[in-house]
Amino acid sequence: MFMTQYRTDALENDQYYHIFSRSIAKYVIFNDAEDYSRFMEIADLYRHTKFYYQYSKFKRLSPIIQAKSLPKSIQTMMCTLRPLHFV
């Protein structure tokens, strides 16, 4: 079954958003470089206005098809990844 994913809340143009999350009970959410890399890939995918792929399927596409298939909606100004949280 093919599921389409959309944001539930629309992002507004010319606005800044501070997005963060912290683990519960100091649980380490980033254990190694692969965890950090996967987070950044998923964060990049969610920058697009619409996407019709699950992350695992999108990752298998060539970079050219990835770039052509998804218009970017937001720009990331800064991202900090720590073992227990991200900002």
Protein backbone atom coordinates (compact mmCIF):
# COMPACT_ATOMS: atom_id res chain seq x y z
CA MET A 1 0.00 0.00 0.00
CA PHE A 2 1.37 3.41 -0.97
CA MET A 3 1.07 6.10 1.70
CA THR A 4 1.48 9.80 0.95
CA GLN A 5 2.87 11.96 3.74
CA TYR A 6 2.00 15.62 4.23
CA ARG A 7 2.67 18.10 6.99
CA THR A 8 -0.33 18.70 9.22
CA ASP A 9 0.65 22.32 9.92
CA ALA A 10 1.67 24.56 7.05
CA LEU A 11 4.93 26.46 7.32
CA GLU A 12 4.73 30.17 6.57
CA ASN A 13 7.08 32.05 4.27
CA ASP A 14 9.59 34.52 5.70
CA GLN A 15 9.37 33.05 9.20
CA TYR A 16 11.93 31.43 11.50
CA TYR A 17 11.18 28.22 13.38
CA HIS A 18 13.17 26.86 16.32
CA ILE A 19 12.77 23.11 16.23
CA PHE A 20 14.24 20.93 18.93
CA SER A 21 13.79 17.64 20.72
CA ARG A 22 15.45 16.07 23.73
CA SER A 23 15.50 12.44 24.75
CA ILE A 24 13.69 11.17 27.80
CA ALA A 25 15.76 10.15 30.84
CA LYS A 26 19.03 11.12 29.14
CA TYR A 27 18.67 8.29 26.61
CA VAL A 28 21.33 8.60 23.90
CA ILE A 29 19.55 9.02 20.55
CA PHE A 30 22.66 9.44 18.39
CA ASN A 31 25.06 6.57 19.00
CA ASP A 32 27.41 6.91 16.03
CA ALA A 33 28.14 8.81 12.82
CA GLU A 34 25.54 6.76 10.93
CA ASP A 35 22.78 7.96 13.29
CA TYR A 36 23.79 11.60 12.73
CA SER A 37 23.91 11.09 8.96
CA ARG A 38 20.49 9.43 8.85
CA PHE A 39 18.96 12.26 10.89
CA MET A 40 20.34 14.86 8.48
CA GLU A 41 19.02 12.93 5.46
CA ILE A 42 15.55 12.67 6.99
CA ALA A 43 15.60 16.35 7.99
CA ASP A 44 16.51 17.24 4.41
CA LEU A 45 13.62 15.14 3.07
CA TYR A 46 11.12 16.96 5.30
CA ARG A 47 12.27 20.34 3.93
CA HIS A 48 10.25 19.64 0.79
CA THR A 49 6.67 20.74 0.25
CA LYS A 50 5.44 17.33 -0.87
CA PHE A 51 7.07 13.98 -1.14
CA TYR A 52 5.62 10.71 -2.29
CA TYR A 53 8.32 8.34 -1.07
CA GLN A 54 9.12 6.70 2.19
CA TYR A 55 12.61 7.63 3.39
CA SER A 56 14.02 4.20 2.54
CA LYS A 57 12.69 4.38 -1.05
CA PHE A 58 13.72 8.01 -1.52
CA LYS A 59 17.28 7.19 -0.41
CA ARG A 60 17.57 4.58 -3.20
CA LEU A 61 16.80 7.17 -5.90
CA SER A 62 19.69 8.80 -7.71
CA PRO A 63 20.65 12.28 -6.44
CA ILE A 64 19.53 13.77 -9.79
CA ILE A 65 16.03 12.30 -9.47
CA GLN A 66 15.88 13.33 -5.81
CA ALA A 67 16.70 16.94 -6.69
CA LYS A 68 14.24 17.10 -9.60
CA SER A 69 11.32 15.41 -7.90
CA LEU A 70 10.92 17.58 -4.82
CA PRO A 71 10.65 21.38 -4.63
CA LYS A 72 12.21 22.68 -1.41
CA SER A 73 9.91 24.53 0.93
CA ILE A 74 12.18 25.64 3.76
CA GLN A 75 15.82 26.53 4.26
CA THR A 76 17.79 25.28 7.26
CA MET A 77 19.82 28.07 8.81
CA MET A 78 21.60 26.01 11.45
CA CYS A 79 21.44 22.54 12.95
CA THR A 80 23.15 21.20 16.06
CA LEU A 81 23.17 17.50 16.82
CA ARG A 82 24.18 16.27 20.27
CA PRO A 83 24.06 12.73 21.64
CA LEU A 84 20.92 13.49 23.70
CA HIS A 85 19.11 16.09 21.57
CA PHE A 86 18.97 18.19 18.44
CA VAL A 87 18.36 21.88 17.86
